[in-house]
């Protein structure tokens, strides 16, 4: 229900702020603005203080907008108004008017990020799930269950890690820059810390895509291998599993994490046939053995196992909040980092060095708009400035037109992760 309204509000707001930047700078430079329009097509609402002032328009399709200025190249201009035409302004003023739109979006991002930092946002703790043995994390000696305390370049300074999102962001930057990253870990509170190095420089540039974190081996925070959301016709329900069951082992192999359990279930169907499995589960404090045979289904070109249930509990969460100055400083830093990452990824995609899988279309954007709005104001604000970052996803970009009419196209990216299997 919220998807379309949230999407339209988000798009309209970002466009309005962008065009307002063009408008305010044009007025400040003495250029006459004829029309300020949010949307294209048939006007739904019009407002004009007097016949000689700017006409404000809200049009039918709110997927763009423009600021139309007085300009001799579009229509004749009266001699007494020539000094207010866009084309008669010095280059510095024309450039300022064009740049003001993107600058307004960047300023909005800083403000929204700062507000999120001040309010605080709940994020998963940086506790690692068991990685695949062949992944970079697996070969580096990460077992799962470790808490990441610090992250940084091999030869650089280390920074504190407040949440799993901050860790993932640091890994994303390291992968794109082709730099190895070192992590300071602790297995349990009170135990000795240790350092590991993730060889992100071994990743090909073309591998920086939606599957990047699978290759790294850090795909999500640690979750308990809990069963939930059973489908009546699924293998789990037919075997007698119940919501809340905690899977301890399968055929004697310990299951320490929800993601590890999901990988095992999917991999069990790779050959096209699945043998019956012995599941040891903990239910109401008692250990039970359940015979279960996953169903084999086709996922793209691969055969995978499915049990018809959600797998994995909610990870341990932490509220990340900053003070007035730190929150504002981080807002500036986050806006800069995301903008730089966006431009870098777009450049790599243009020259074929990065996968086009990183691009998501309007349907994905709309889906995330609805999801974030349903989670609350803070998550919706995060969506507005940075989308739901996932592995290798591009970030929001506003591309401004130039000249006297500035049509704008908004491009956002996002990736989804399913926990049902």
Foldseek 3Di string as FASTA:
>chain_A
DQLVVLLLVLQQVLQLLLQVQLVVLLVVQLAAWAEWEQADDAFPDWDDPDPRHHIYTYHDGRQKIKTFTAACVVDNDDPVCVVNHLVVDDPVSQVSSQVRSVVSSLVLLLVLQLVCQAVWDKAFFQWFAAFDCQALCNVQPDGGQKGWQWKDFPPDDIDGDGHNVSVLLRLLVCLQVLTKMKTWIDNDPPDDIDITIRRSNPDALACQAQCVCNRNRGADHFFFFFWADADCPFQCVVQPHDGGKGWQAKQPHGDGGQVSVQVVQFVQCQVVAHDWIWTWIADPNDTDTTITTFDWDDDPPGITGAGRTFTTDDHHMDIRHDDNVVSSVVSSVVSVSLVVVQVSQVVCVVVVRYDPNQFDDPVVLSVQSSVQVVVHDSSNSCCSNFRPDHRSHRGWDKDWARDSIIIIGIGGTDDDDDRHD
